[in-house]
């Protein structure tokens, strides 16, 4: 199933940029996922099982930083394709 996830990461500490960049860089390494980033969130598009496994793994790594907050929206469609627009 094609899936889209909008995810925002809020490390609650003064040095917040490196953990966010690290999360985005790691998500970009997964084959089969398309990633778009803007100032407010990151959108990830792909097959549900691959996408959710990648996000689960990378959120777990991010939780090594104290007080990490993630906000996500999950949609059961690929909102990055022309067919869904």
N, C-alpha and C. Protein backbone atom coordinates (compact mmCIF):
# COMPACT_ATOMS: atom_id res chain seq x y z
N UNK A 1 0.85 -1.17 0.00
CA UNK A 1 0.00 0.00 0.00
C UNK A 1 0.89 1.24 0.00
N UNK A 2 0.59 2.16 -0.88
CA UNK A 2 1.31 3.44 -0.93
C UNK A 2 0.92 4.28 0.28
N UNK A 3 1.92 4.91 0.89
CA UNK A 3 1.69 5.67 2.12
C UNK A 3 2.48 6.96 2.09
N UNK A 4 1.94 7.97 2.74
CA UNK A 4 2.61 9.25 2.93
C UNK A 4 2.64 9.55 4.43
N UNK A 5 3.78 10.05 4.89
CA UNK A 5 3.91 10.44 6.30
C UNK A 5 4.48 11.84 6.34
N UNK A 6 3.83 12.70 7.11
CA UNK A 6 4.38 14.01 7.42
C UNK A 6 4.87 13.93 8.86
N UNK A 7 6.13 14.25 9.07
CA UNK A 7 6.70 14.07 10.40
C UNK A 7 7.48 15.32 10.79
N UNK A 8 7.30 15.74 12.04
CA UNK A 8 8.05 16.85 12.62
C UNK A 8 8.75 16.33 13.86
N UNK A 9 10.00 16.73 14.01
CA UNK A 9 10.84 16.27 15.12
C UNK A 9 11.25 17.49 15.93
N UNK A 10 11.01 17.41 17.23
CA UNK A 10 11.33 18.51 18.14
C UNK A 10 12.23 18.01 19.27
N UNK A 11 13.56 18.06 19.09
CA UNK A 11 14.45 17.75 20.22
C UNK A 11 14.39 18.92 21.20
N UNK A 12 14.03 18.63 22.41
CA UNK A 12 13.83 19.71 23.38
C UNK A 12 15.14 20.01 24.12
N UNK A 13 16.08 20.59 23.38
CA UNK A 13 17.33 21.05 23.97
C UNK A 13 17.88 22.17 23.11
N UNK A 14 18.91 22.84 23.60
CA UNK A 14 19.46 23.99 22.90
C UNK A 14 20.09 23.61 21.56
N UNK A 15 20.69 22.46 21.48
CA UNK A 15 21.34 21.99 20.26
C UNK A 15 20.36 21.11 19.48
N UNK A 16 19.33 21.72 18.91
CA UNK A 16 18.27 20.95 18.26
C UNK A 16 18.53 20.65 16.79
N UNK A 17 19.34 21.45 16.11
CA UNK A 17 19.53 21.27 14.67
C UNK A 17 20.27 19.97 14.34
N UNK A 18 21.38 19.62 14.99
CA UNK A 18 22.08 18.39 14.61
C UNK A 18 21.22 17.11 14.71
N UNK A 19 20.41 16.93 15.76
CA UNK A 19 19.57 15.73 15.78
C UNK A 19 18.53 15.70 14.66
N UNK A 20 17.97 16.86 14.31
CA UNK A 20 16.99 16.91 13.22
C UNK A 20 17.67 16.57 11.90
N UNK A 21 18.82 17.18 11.64
CA UNK A 21 19.55 16.88 10.40
C UNK A 21 19.95 15.41 10.34
N UNK A 22 20.36 14.86 11.48
CA UNK A 22 20.73 13.45 11.52
C UNK A 22 19.57 12.55 11.17
N UNK A 23 18.39 12.84 11.72
CA UNK A 23 17.19 12.06 11.41
C UNK A 23 16.88 12.12 9.92
N UNK A 24 16.88 13.32 9.36
CA UNK A 24 16.58 13.48 7.94
C UNK A 24 17.62 12.77 7.07
N UNK A 25 18.89 12.92 7.43
CA UNK A 25 19.95 12.25 6.66
C UNK A 25 19.78 10.74 6.68
N UNK A 26 19.43 10.19 7.84
CA UNK A 26 19.26 8.73 7.94
C UNK A 26 18.05 8.26 7.13
N UNK A 27 16.94 8.99 7.19
CA UNK A 27 15.75 8.61 6.41
C UNK A 27 16.06 8.63 4.92
N UNK A 28 16.91 9.55 4.50
CA UNK A 28 17.26 9.66 3.08
C UNK A 28 18.10 8.48 2.57
N UNK A 29 18.61 7.64 3.45
CA UNK A 29 19.44 6.51 3.02
C UNK A 29 18.62 5.29 2.60
N UNK A 30 17.33 5.27 2.88
CA UNK A 30 16.50 4.09 2.59
C UNK A 30 16.07 4.07 1.13
N UNK A 31 16.36 2.96 0.47
CA UNK A 31 15.91 2.78 -0.91
C UNK A 31 14.39 2.60 -0.93
N UNK A 32 13.78 3.14 -1.95
CA UNK A 32 12.34 2.99 -2.11
C UNK A 32 11.52 4.07 -1.42
N UNK A 33 12.19 4.98 -0.70
CA UNK A 33 11.48 6.08 -0.05
C UNK A 33 11.85 7.39 -0.74
N UNK A 34 10.88 8.27 -0.86
CA UNK A 34 11.11 9.61 -1.36
C UNK A 34 10.90 10.57 -0.19
N UNK A 35 11.82 11.50 -0.03
CA UNK A 35 11.79 12.40 1.12
C UNK A 35 11.80 13.84 0.63
N UNK A 36 10.89 14.63 1.17
CA UNK A 36 10.84 16.07 0.90
C UNK A 36 10.85 16.78 2.24
N UNK A 37 11.70 17.79 2.35
CA UNK A 37 11.85 18.50 3.62
C UNK A 37 11.59 19.98 3.40
N UNK A 38 10.91 20.58 4.37
CA UNK A 38 10.75 22.03 4.37
C UNK A 38 10.99 22.54 5.79
N UNK A 39 10.76 23.80 6.03
CA UNK A 39 11.04 24.39 7.33
C UNK A 39 10.17 23.90 8.47
N UNK A 40 9.04 23.27 8.16
CA UNK A 40 8.11 22.84 9.19
C UNK A 40 8.08 21.33 9.43
N UNK A 41 8.37 20.54 8.37
CA UNK A 41 8.24 19.09 8.51
C UNK A 41 9.00 18.38 7.40
N UNK A 42 8.99 17.08 7.48
CA UNK A 42 9.55 16.23 6.45
C UNK A 42 8.44 15.30 5.99
N UNK A 43 8.30 15.16 4.68
CA UNK A 43 7.31 14.23 4.14
C UNK A 43 8.08 13.04 3.56
N UNK A 44 7.57 11.85 3.86
CA UNK A 44 8.19 10.62 3.38
C UNK A 44 7.11 9.82 2.65
N UNK A 45 7.46 9.32 1.46
CA UNK A 45 6.51 8.62 0.61
C UNK A 45 7.08 7.26 0.22
N UNK A 46 6.23 6.24 0.23
CA UNK A 46 6.68 4.92 -0.19
C UNK A 46 5.69 3.84 0.22
N UNK A 47 6.15 2.60 0.09
CA UNK A 47 5.34 1.46 0.51
C UNK A 47 5.24 1.43 2.03
N UNK A 48 4.05 1.16 2.53
CA UNK A 48 3.76 1.22 3.97
C UNK A 48 4.79 0.47 4.82
N UNK A 49 5.02 -0.80 4.52
CA UNK A 49 5.89 -1.61 5.38
C UNK A 49 7.32 -1.07 5.42
N UNK A 50 7.83 -0.67 4.28
CA UNK A 50 9.20 -0.12 4.22
C UNK A 50 9.26 1.21 4.94
N UNK A 51 8.30 2.07 4.66
CA UNK A 51 8.27 3.40 5.25
C UNK A 51 8.15 3.35 6.77
N UNK A 52 7.21 2.57 7.26
CA UNK A 52 7.00 2.51 8.72
C UNK A 52 8.16 1.85 9.44
N UNK A 53 8.78 0.84 8.81
CA UNK A 53 9.95 0.21 9.42
C UNK A 53 11.10 1.20 9.53
N UNK A 54 11.31 1.99 8.48
CA UNK A 54 12.38 2.99 8.49
C UNK A 54 12.12 4.05 9.55
N UNK A 55 10.91 4.57 9.58
CA UNK A 55 10.59 5.61 10.56
C UNK A 55 10.70 5.07 11.98
N UNK A 56 10.20 3.87 12.21
CA UNK A 56 10.29 3.27 13.55
C UNK A 56 11.74 3.14 13.99
N UNK A 57 12.58 2.65 13.09
CA UNK A 57 14.00 2.47 13.42
C UNK A 57 14.68 3.81 13.71
N UNK A 58 14.39 4.81 12.90
CA UNK A 58 15.06 6.09 13.06
C UNK A 58 14.51 6.91 14.23
N UNK A 59 13.24 6.77 14.54
CA UNK A 59 12.72 7.40 15.76
C UNK A 59 13.40 6.78 16.98
N UNK A 60 13.54 5.46 16.97
CA UNK A 60 14.21 4.79 18.10
C UNK A 60 15.61 5.34 18.31
N UNK A 61 16.37 5.51 17.22
CA UNK A 61 17.71 6.10 17.33
C UNK A 61 17.65 7.51 17.88
N UNK A 62 16.65 8.28 17.46
CA UNK A 62 16.52 9.66 17.91
C UNK A 62 16.17 9.73 19.39
N UNK A 63 15.52 8.70 19.90
CA UNK A 63 15.17 8.70 21.32
C UNK A 63 16.39 8.52 22.22
N UNK A 64 17.56 8.31 21.64
CA UNK A 64 18.79 8.33 22.44
C UNK A 64 19.06 9.73 22.97
N UNK A 65 18.48 10.75 22.32
CA UNK A 65 18.57 12.13 22.80
C UNK A 65 17.42 12.35 23.79
N UNK A 66 17.72 12.85 24.95
CA UNK A 66 16.64 13.06 25.93
C UNK A 66 15.58 14.03 25.41
N UNK A 67 14.34 13.75 25.77
CA UNK A 67 13.22 14.64 25.50
C UNK A 67 13.02 14.92 24.01
N UNK A 68 12.95 13.87 23.22
CA UNK A 68 12.67 14.00 21.80
C UNK A 68 11.17 13.83 21.56
N UNK A 69 10.58 14.75 20.80
CA UNK A 69 9.16 14.72 20.50
C UNK A 69 8.98 14.59 18.98
N UNK A 70 8.11 13.67 18.56
CA UNK A 70 7.75 13.51 17.16
C UNK A 70 6.25 13.72 17.01
N UNK A 71 5.86 14.42 15.94
CA UNK A 71 4.46 14.59 15.58
C UNK A 71 4.33 14.08 14.15
N UNK A 72 3.37 13.15 13.92
CA UNK A 72 3.24 12.53 12.61
C UNK A 72 1.79 12.51 12.13
N UNK A 73 1.66 12.59 10.81
CA UNK A 73 0.39 12.32 10.13
C UNK A 73 0.68 11.21 9.14
N UNK A 74 -0.16 10.18 9.13
CA UNK A 74 0.01 9.04 8.23
C UNK A 74 -1.22 8.95 7.34
N UNK A 75 -0.97 8.90 6.03
CA UNK A 75 -2.07 8.87 5.05
C UNK A 75 -1.91 7.62 4.19
N UNK A 76 -2.99 6.92 3.94
CA UNK A 76 -2.91 5.69 3.14
C UNK A 76 -3.02 5.97 1.65
N UNK A 77 -2.18 6.87 1.17
CA UNK A 77 -2.09 7.22 -0.25
C UNK A 77 -0.75 7.90 -0.47
N UNK A 78 -0.25 7.82 -1.68
CA UNK A 78 0.99 8.51 -2.03
C UNK A 78 0.62 9.91 -2.51
N UNK A 79 0.72 10.89 -1.66
CA UNK A 79 0.33 12.26 -1.98
C UNK A 79 1.38 12.98 -2.82
N UNK A 80 2.46 12.28 -3.16
CA UNK A 80 3.52 12.86 -3.97
C UNK A 80 3.37 12.50 -5.45
N UNK A 81 2.34 11.75 -5.81
CA UNK A 81 2.17 11.36 -7.22
C UNK A 81 1.06 12.18 -7.87
N UNK A 82 1.13 12.28 -9.16
CA UNK A 82 0.12 13.04 -9.90
C UNK A 82 -1.26 12.41 -9.78
N UNK A 83 -1.32 11.06 -9.66
CA UNK A 83 -2.60 10.38 -9.58
C UNK A 83 -3.40 10.78 -8.35
N UNK A 84 -2.73 11.14 -7.26
CA UNK A 84 -3.45 11.44 -6.03
C UNK A 84 -3.74 12.93 -5.88
N UNK A 85 -3.29 13.74 -6.81
CA UNK A 85 -3.52 15.19 -6.71
C UNK A 85 -4.73 15.61 -7.49
